Amino acid sequence: MKRTIKDQPTTNDLPNLIKVAEQGDAEAQYQLARMYNKGEGVTRDYGQAVAWCRKAAEQGHEEAQYNLAEMYREGKGVTRDYEAAYGWYARSAAHAQGNVVATLSLDELEKKLTPEQIARVQKMLSEQAKDAPKTP
């Protein structure tokens, strides 16, 4: 059976995974972030996990968006930032199938943010949506 990037990568796959991730493949970037976050096949490195996760999240990868939100919420590899976490949870929750866990996390974070902070993040998300390229 042929393996795909979506399969759990192994240490043997690492050189190829890095190459594909560097070429901009969001799934490869997410898998690499996951490996660095958990220390699977590589030395645990939260900074690398955040960097690769952000690349995938910025391309719209739902799981990466959720995990990046978690990193901001927990202060893992980044300074704890509830506003940034809220923004990434919102992006993850906005996918067509809707990420239920992200939606629940949004509700929980709303208790930690002021209405002004929430409005600021929602305004930023709205502006980003306007600037996003339209798909045919």
N, C-alpha and C. Protein backbone atom coordinates (compact mmCIF):
# COMPACT_ATOMS: atom_id res chain seq x y z
N MET A 1 0.84 -1.19 0.00
CA MET A 1 0.00 0.00 0.00
C MET A 1 0.89 1.25 0.00
N LYS A 2 0.58 2.18 -0.86
CA LYS A 2 1.35 3.42 -0.96
C LYS A 2 1.00 4.35 0.19
N ARG A 3 2.04 4.90 0.84
CA ARG A 3 1.82 5.85 1.94
C ARG A 3 1.66 7.25 1.39
N THR A 4 0.91 8.05 2.09
CA THR A 4 0.76 9.46 1.73
C THR A 4 1.25 10.31 2.90
N ILE A 5 1.42 11.60 2.65
CA ILE A 5 1.85 12.51 3.72
C ILE A 5 0.84 12.48 4.85
N LYS A 6 -0.43 12.24 4.55
CA LYS A 6 -1.48 12.21 5.57
C LYS A 6 -1.23 11.09 6.58
N ASP A 7 -0.54 10.00 6.14
CA ASP A 7 -0.21 8.93 7.07
C ASP A 7 0.77 9.46 8.11
N GLN A 8 0.85 8.79 9.24
CA GLN A 8 1.80 9.18 10.28
C GLN A 8 3.21 8.99 9.74
N PRO A 9 3.98 10.09 9.58
CA PRO A 9 5.35 9.95 9.09
C PRO A 9 6.23 9.25 10.11
N THR A 10 7.28 8.64 9.61
CA THR A 10 8.25 7.98 10.49
C THR A 10 9.58 8.74 10.38
N THR A 11 10.52 8.37 11.23
CA THR A 11 11.84 9.00 11.20
C THR A 11 12.49 8.82 9.82
N ASN A 12 12.25 7.68 9.18
CA ASN A 12 12.81 7.44 7.85
C ASN A 12 12.24 8.42 6.82
N ASP A 13 11.03 8.90 7.05
CA ASP A 13 10.38 9.83 6.12
C ASP A 13 10.84 11.27 6.32
N LEU A 14 11.57 11.55 7.40
CA LEU A 14 11.88 12.92 7.78
C LEU A 14 12.54 13.75 6.67
N PRO A 15 13.58 13.26 6.00
CA PRO A 15 14.19 14.09 4.95
C PRO A 15 13.19 14.46 3.85
N ASN A 16 12.38 13.50 3.42
CA ASN A 16 11.38 13.78 2.39
C ASN A 16 10.30 14.72 2.92
N LEU A 17 9.89 14.52 4.15
CA LEU A 17 8.85 15.37 4.75
C LEU A 17 9.33 16.82 4.82
N ILE A 18 10.56 17.03 5.23
CA ILE A 18 11.11 18.38 5.30
C ILE A 18 11.14 19.00 3.91
N LYS A 19 11.58 18.22 2.93
CA LYS A 19 11.65 18.73 1.56
C LYS A 19 10.27 19.15 1.06
N VAL A 20 9.27 18.33 1.26
CA VAL A 20 7.91 18.63 0.81
C VAL A 20 7.35 19.82 1.59
N ALA A 21 7.63 19.89 2.88
CA ALA A 21 7.17 21.01 3.71
C ALA A 21 7.80 22.32 3.23
N GLU A 22 9.09 22.27 2.93
CA GLU A 22 9.78 23.48 2.45
C GLU A 22 9.25 23.94 1.09
N GLN A 23 8.67 23.01 0.33
CA GLN A 23 8.08 23.36 -0.96
C GLN A 23 6.67 23.94 -0.79
N GLY A 24 6.18 24.00 0.46
CA GLY A 24 4.91 24.66 0.72
C GLY A 24 3.71 23.76 0.91
N ASP A 25 3.91 22.45 1.03
CA ASP A 25 2.80 21.54 1.23
C ASP A 25 2.26 21.66 2.66
N ALA A 26 1.02 22.10 2.79
CA ALA A 26 0.44 22.37 4.12
C ALA A 26 0.34 21.12 4.98
N GLU A 27 -0.01 20.00 4.39
CA GLU A 27 -0.12 18.76 5.18
C GLU A 27 1.25 18.33 5.69
N ALA A 28 2.28 18.44 4.86
CA ALA A 28 3.64 18.10 5.30
C ALA A 28 4.08 19.05 6.41
N GLN A 29 3.78 20.33 6.25
CA GLN A 29 4.13 21.32 7.28
C GLN A 29 3.43 20.97 8.60
N TYR A 30 2.16 20.60 8.52
CA TYR A 30 1.42 20.23 9.73
C TYR A 30 2.01 18.99 10.38
N GLN A 31 2.32 17.98 9.57
CA GLN A 31 2.89 16.74 10.12
C GLN A 31 4.25 17.00 10.77
N LEU A 32 5.05 17.85 10.16
CA LEU A 32 6.34 18.21 10.73
C LEU A 32 6.15 18.95 12.06
N ALA A 33 5.19 19.87 12.09
CA ALA A 33 4.88 20.59 13.33
C ALA A 33 4.46 19.62 14.42
N ARG A 34 3.63 18.66 14.06
CA ARG A 34 3.15 17.67 15.02
C ARG A 34 4.31 16.86 15.59
N MET A 35 5.24 16.48 14.71
CA MET A 35 6.40 15.69 15.15
C MET A 35 7.26 16.51 16.12
N TYR A 36 7.52 17.78 15.79
CA TYR A 36 8.31 18.63 16.69
C TYR A 36 7.58 18.88 18.01
N ASN A 37 6.28 19.04 17.95
CA ASN A 37 5.50 19.29 19.16
C ASN A 37 5.52 18.10 20.12
N LYS A 38 5.48 16.90 19.56
CA LYS A 38 5.44 15.69 20.39
C LYS A 38 6.80 15.04 20.59
N GLY A 39 7.80 15.50 19.83
CA GLY A 39 9.12 14.87 19.92
C GLY A 39 9.12 13.49 19.31
N GLU A 40 8.35 13.29 18.25
CA GLU A 40 8.26 11.99 17.57
C GLU A 40 9.23 11.96 16.39
N GLY A 41 10.32 11.21 16.53
CA GLY A 41 11.29 11.08 15.46
C GLY A 41 12.26 12.25 15.37
N VAL A 42 12.04 13.28 16.18
CA VAL A 42 12.91 14.46 16.24
C VAL A 42 12.99 14.89 17.70
N THR A 43 13.96 15.73 18.00
CA THR A 43 14.02 16.30 19.34
C THR A 43 12.86 17.28 19.49
N ARG A 44 12.14 17.18 20.59
CA ARG A 44 11.02 18.09 20.81
C ARG A 44 11.52 19.53 20.74
N ASP A 45 10.82 20.34 19.94
CA ASP A 45 11.21 21.73 19.75
C ASP A 45 9.94 22.54 19.48
N TYR A 46 9.44 23.19 20.52
CA TYR A 46 8.19 23.93 20.38
C TYR A 46 8.32 25.12 19.42
N GLY A 47 9.50 25.72 19.35
CA GLY A 47 9.71 26.81 18.41
C GLY A 47 9.53 26.35 16.96
N GLN A 48 10.14 25.19 16.63
CA GLN A 48 9.97 24.62 15.29
C GLN A 48 8.52 24.19 15.08
N ALA A 49 7.89 23.65 16.11
CA ALA A 49 6.49 23.24 15.99
C ALA A 49 5.62 24.44 15.63
N VAL A 50 5.83 25.55 16.31
CA VAL A 50 5.05 26.76 16.03
C VAL A 50 5.32 27.25 14.61
N ALA A 51 6.58 27.29 14.23
CA ALA A 51 6.94 27.81 12.90
C ALA A 51 6.28 27.00 11.79
N TRP A 52 6.37 25.68 11.86
CA TRP A 52 5.77 24.84 10.82
C TRP A 52 4.25 24.86 10.90
N CYS A 53 3.72 24.89 12.11
CA CYS A 53 2.27 24.92 12.28
C CYS A 53 1.69 26.22 11.69
N ARG A 54 2.37 27.32 11.92
CA ARG A 54 1.91 28.61 11.39
C ARG A 54 1.87 28.59 9.86
N LYS A 55 2.91 28.00 9.24
CA LYS A 55 2.94 27.93 7.78
C LYS A 55 1.72 27.17 7.24
N ALA A 56 1.41 26.05 7.88
CA ALA A 56 0.25 25.26 7.44
C ALA A 56 -1.05 25.99 7.76
N ALA A 57 -1.13 26.60 8.94
CA ALA A 57 -2.35 27.31 9.35
C ALA A 57 -2.65 28.47 8.42
N GLU A 58 -1.62 29.18 8.01
CA GLU A 58 -1.82 30.33 7.12
C GLU A 58 -2.31 29.91 5.74
N GLN A 59 -2.14 28.63 5.41
CA GLN A 59 -2.66 28.10 4.15
C GLN A 59 -4.07 27.54 4.32
N GLY A 60 -4.62 27.66 5.53
CA GLY A 60 -6.00 27.21 5.76
C GLY A 60 -6.12 25.79 6.28
N HIS A 61 -5.04 25.17 6.72
CA HIS A 61 -5.08 23.80 7.24
C HIS A 61 -5.80 23.83 8.59
N GLU A 62 -6.97 23.22 8.65
CA GLU A 62 -7.82 23.30 9.84
C GLU A 62 -7.16 22.79 11.11
N GLU A 63 -6.55 21.61 11.04
CA GLU A 63 -5.90 21.05 12.23
C GLU A 63 -4.74 21.92 12.69
N ALA A 64 -4.00 22.46 11.73
CA ALA A 64 -2.89 23.35 12.08
C ALA A 64 -3.41 24.62 12.74
N GLN A 65 -4.52 25.15 12.25
CA GLN A 65 -5.10 26.34 12.85
C GLN A 65 -5.51 26.06 14.30
N TYR A 66 -6.13 24.92 14.51
CA TYR A 66 -6.54 24.54 15.87
C TYR A 66 -5.31 24.36 16.77
N ASN A 67 -4.30 23.64 16.28
CA ASN A 67 -3.12 23.39 17.11
C ASN A 67 -2.33 24.66 17.38
N LEU A 68 -2.29 25.57 16.42
CA LEU A 68 -1.61 26.84 16.65
C LEU A 68 -2.36 27.63 17.73
N ALA A 69 -3.68 27.58 17.69
CA ALA A 69 -4.47 28.22 18.74
C ALA A 69 -4.13 27.64 20.11
N GLU A 70 -4.01 26.33 20.17
CA GLU A 70 -3.65 25.67 21.42
C GLU A 70 -2.28 26.13 21.92
N MET A 71 -1.33 26.27 21.00
CA MET A 71 0.01 26.71 21.39
C MET A 71 -0.03 28.12 21.96
N TYR A 72 -0.80 29.00 21.32
CA TYR A 72 -0.93 30.36 21.85
C TYR A 72 -1.65 30.35 23.20
N ARG A 73 -2.64 29.52 23.33
CA ARG A 73 -3.41 29.45 24.58
C ARG A 73 -2.54 28.95 25.74
N GLU A 74 -1.68 27.98 25.44
CA GLU A 74 -0.85 27.36 26.48
C GLU A 74 0.52 28.04 26.63
N GLY A 75 0.87 28.91 25.68
CA GLY A 75 2.20 29.51 25.71
C GLY A 75 3.28 28.52 25.38
N LYS A 76 3.01 27.61 24.46
CA LYS A 76 3.95 26.57 24.05
C LYS A 76 4.70 27.03 22.81
N GLY A 77 5.95 27.43 22.97
CA GLY A 77 6.76 27.88 21.85
C GLY A 77 6.52 29.32 21.46
N VAL A 78 5.55 29.95 22.10
CA VAL A 78 5.22 31.36 21.89
C VAL A 78 4.80 31.95 23.23
N THR A 79 4.76 33.26 23.30
CA THR A 79 4.23 33.91 24.49
C THR A 79 2.72 33.66 24.53
N ARG A 80 2.21 33.30 25.69
CA ARG A 80 0.76 33.08 25.82
C ARG A 80 0.03 34.32 25.34
N ASP A 81 -0.93 34.11 24.44
CA ASP A 81 -1.67 35.22 23.84
C ASP A 81 -3.09 34.74 23.55
N TYR A 82 -4.03 35.10 24.43
CA TYR A 82 -5.41 34.64 24.28
C TYR A 82 -6.08 35.23 23.05
N GLU A 83 -5.71 36.45 22.67
CA GLU A 83 -6.30 37.04 21.47
C GLU A 83 -5.88 36.26 20.22
N ALA A 84 -4.59 35.94 20.13
CA ALA A 84 -4.12 35.16 18.98
C ALA A 84 -4.77 33.78 18.98
N ALA A 85 -4.87 33.17 20.16
CA ALA A 85 -5.53 31.86 20.26
C ALA A 85 -6.97 31.95 19.78
N TYR A 86 -7.66 32.97 20.21
CA TYR A 86 -9.06 33.17 19.81
C TYR A 86 -9.17 33.27 18.29
N GLY A 87 -8.28 34.04 17.68
CA GLY A 87 -8.29 34.21 16.23
C GLY A 87 -8.07 32.90 15.49
N TRP A 88 -7.12 32.10 15.96
CA TRP A 88 -6.85 30.82 15.28
C TRP A 88 -7.97 29.81 15.54
N TYR A 89 -8.55 29.81 16.75
CA TYR A 89 -9.71 28.94 16.99
C TYR A 89 -10.85 29.33 16.06
N ALA A 90 -11.07 30.63 15.89
CA ALA A 90 -12.15 31.10 15.02
C ALA A 90 -11.93 30.64 13.58
N ARG A 91 -10.70 30.71 13.11
CA ARG A 91 -10.41 30.25 11.75
C ARG A 91 -10.69 28.76 11.62
N SER A 92 -10.27 28.00 12.61
CA SER A 92 -10.49 26.55 12.58
C SER A 92 -11.99 26.22 12.63
N ALA A 93 -12.71 26.92 13.47
CA ALA A 93 -14.15 26.67 13.62
C ALA A 93 -14.93 27.07 12.37
N ALA A 94 -14.38 27.96 11.56
CA ALA A 94 -15.09 28.49 10.39
C ALA A 94 -15.08 27.54 9.19
N HIS A 95 -14.34 26.46 9.25
CA HIS A 95 -14.30 25.52 8.13
C HIS A 95 -15.68 24.92 7.90
N ALA A 96 -15.91 24.49 6.68
CA ALA A 96 -17.23 23.99 6.26
C ALA A 96 -17.81 22.95 7.23
N GLN A 97 -16.98 22.00 7.65
CA GLN A 97 -17.47 20.97 8.56
C GLN A 97 -17.51 21.46 10.01
N GLY A 98 -16.89 22.61 10.27
CA GLY A 98 -16.90 23.19 11.61
C GLY A 98 -16.16 22.34 12.62
N ASN A 99 -15.17 22.90 13.23
CA ASN A 99 -14.41 22.19 14.25
C ASN A 99 -15.10 22.44 15.59
N VAL A 100 -15.81 21.44 16.07
CA VAL A 100 -16.60 21.57 17.29
C VAL A 100 -15.73 21.91 18.49
N VAL A 101 -14.57 21.27 18.58
CA VAL A 101 -13.68 21.52 19.71
C VAL A 101 -13.19 22.97 19.67
N ALA A 102 -12.89 23.47 18.47
CA ALA A 102 -12.47 24.86 18.33
C ALA A 102 -13.59 25.80 18.77
N THR A 103 -14.81 25.46 18.41
CA THR A 103 -15.96 26.29 18.81
C THR A 103 -16.09 26.31 20.33
N LEU A 104 -15.94 25.16 20.97
CA LEU A 104 -16.01 25.10 22.44
C LEU A 104 -14.86 25.90 23.06
N SER A 105 -13.68 25.83 22.45
CA SER A 105 -12.54 26.59 22.95
C SER A 105 -12.77 28.08 22.81
N LEU A 106 -13.43 28.49 21.72
CA LEU A 106 -13.78 29.91 21.55
C LEU A 106 -14.67 30.37 22.70
N ASP A 107 -15.68 29.56 22.98
CA ASP A 107 -16.60 29.91 24.07
C ASP A 107 -15.86 30.06 25.39
N GLU A 108 -14.92 29.15 25.65
CA GLU A 108 -14.16 29.19 26.89
C GLU A 108 -13.24 30.42 26.95
N LEU A 109 -12.61 30.75 25.82
CA LEU A 109 -11.70 31.90 25.79
C LEU A 109 -12.45 33.22 25.91
N GLU A 110 -13.68 33.26 25.43
CA GLU A 110 -14.46 34.49 25.55
C GLU A 110 -14.58 34.94 27.00
N LYS A 111 -14.50 34.01 27.93
CA LYS A 111 -14.57 34.33 29.36
C LYS A 111 -13.28 35.00 29.85
N LYS A 112 -12.18 34.82 29.09
CA LYS A 112 -10.89 35.38 29.51
C LYS A 112 -10.57 36.70 28.79
N LEU A 113 -11.33 37.01 27.75
CA LEU A 113 -11.08 38.21 26.97
C LEU A 113 -12.14 39.27 27.25
N THR A 114 -11.74 40.50 27.09
CA THR A 114 -12.71 41.60 27.23
C THR A 114 -13.50 41.71 25.93
N PRO A 115 -14.66 42.33 25.96
CA PRO A 115 -15.41 42.54 24.73
C PRO A 115 -14.59 43.31 23.68
N GLU A 116 -13.75 44.22 24.14
CA GLU A 116 -12.91 44.99 23.22
C GLU A 116 -11.90 44.08 22.51
N GLN A 117 -11.31 43.16 23.26
CA GLN A 117 -10.34 42.24 22.67
C GLN A 117 -11.03 41.34 21.63
N ILE A 118 -12.19 40.85 21.97
CA ILE A 118 -12.94 39.99 21.03
C ILE A 118 -13.29 40.78 19.77
N ALA A 119 -13.75 42.00 19.95
CA ALA A 119 -14.12 42.84 18.80
C ALA A 119 -12.89 43.10 17.92
N ARG A 120 -11.74 43.32 18.54
CA ARG A 120 -10.50 43.57 17.78
C ARG A 120 -10.14 42.36 16.92
N VAL A 121 -10.23 41.18 17.50
CA VAL A 121 -9.91 39.96 16.76
C VAL A 121 -10.93 39.73 15.64
N GLN A 122 -12.20 39.92 15.94
CA GLN A 122 -13.24 39.73 14.92
C GLN A 122 -13.08 40.72 13.77
N LYS A 123 -12.69 41.95 14.08
CA LYS A 123 -12.44 42.94 13.04
C LYS A 123 -11.27 42.51 12.16
N MET A 124 -10.19 42.04 12.79
CA MET A 124 -9.03 41.57 12.04
C MET A 124 -9.41 40.40 11.13
N LEU A 125 -10.19 39.46 11.64
CA LEU A 125 -10.60 38.31 10.84
C LEU A 125 -11.47 38.75 9.67
N SER A 126 -12.33 39.71 9.91
CA SER A 126 -13.20 40.22 8.85
C SER A 126 -12.38 40.89 7.76
N GLU A 127 -11.38 41.69 8.17
CA GLU A 127 -10.51 42.36 7.19
C GLU A 127 -9.70 41.35 6.39
N GLN A 128 -9.24 40.30 7.05
CA GLN A 128 -8.48 39.26 6.35
C GLN A 128 -9.37 38.53 5.35
N ALA A 129 -10.62 38.30 5.71
CA ALA A 129 -11.54 37.62 4.81
C ALA A 129 -11.80 38.46 3.56
N LYS A 130 -11.87 39.77 3.72
CA LYS A 130 -12.08 40.65 2.57
C LYS A 130 -10.89 40.62 1.62
N ASP A 131 -9.69 40.50 2.18
CA ASP A 131 -8.46 40.52 1.38
C ASP A 131 -8.12 39.15 0.79
N ALA A 132 -8.79 38.10 1.26
CA ALA A 132 -8.48 36.74 0.80
C ALA A 132 -8.87 36.59 -0.67
N PRO A 133 -8.07 35.86 -1.44
CA PRO A 133 -8.43 35.63 -2.84
C PRO A 133 -9.73 34.84 -2.93
N LYS A 134 -10.54 35.20 -3.88
CA LYS A 134 -11.82 34.50 -4.09
C LYS A 134 -11.59 33.25 -4.90
N THR A 135 -12.22 32.17 -4.49
CA THR A 135 -12.10 30.92 -5.25
C THR A 135 -13.27 30.84 -6.22
N PRO A 136 -13.02 30.30 -7.40
CA PRO A 136 -14.10 30.24 -8.42
C PRO A 136 -15.18 29.25 -8.05
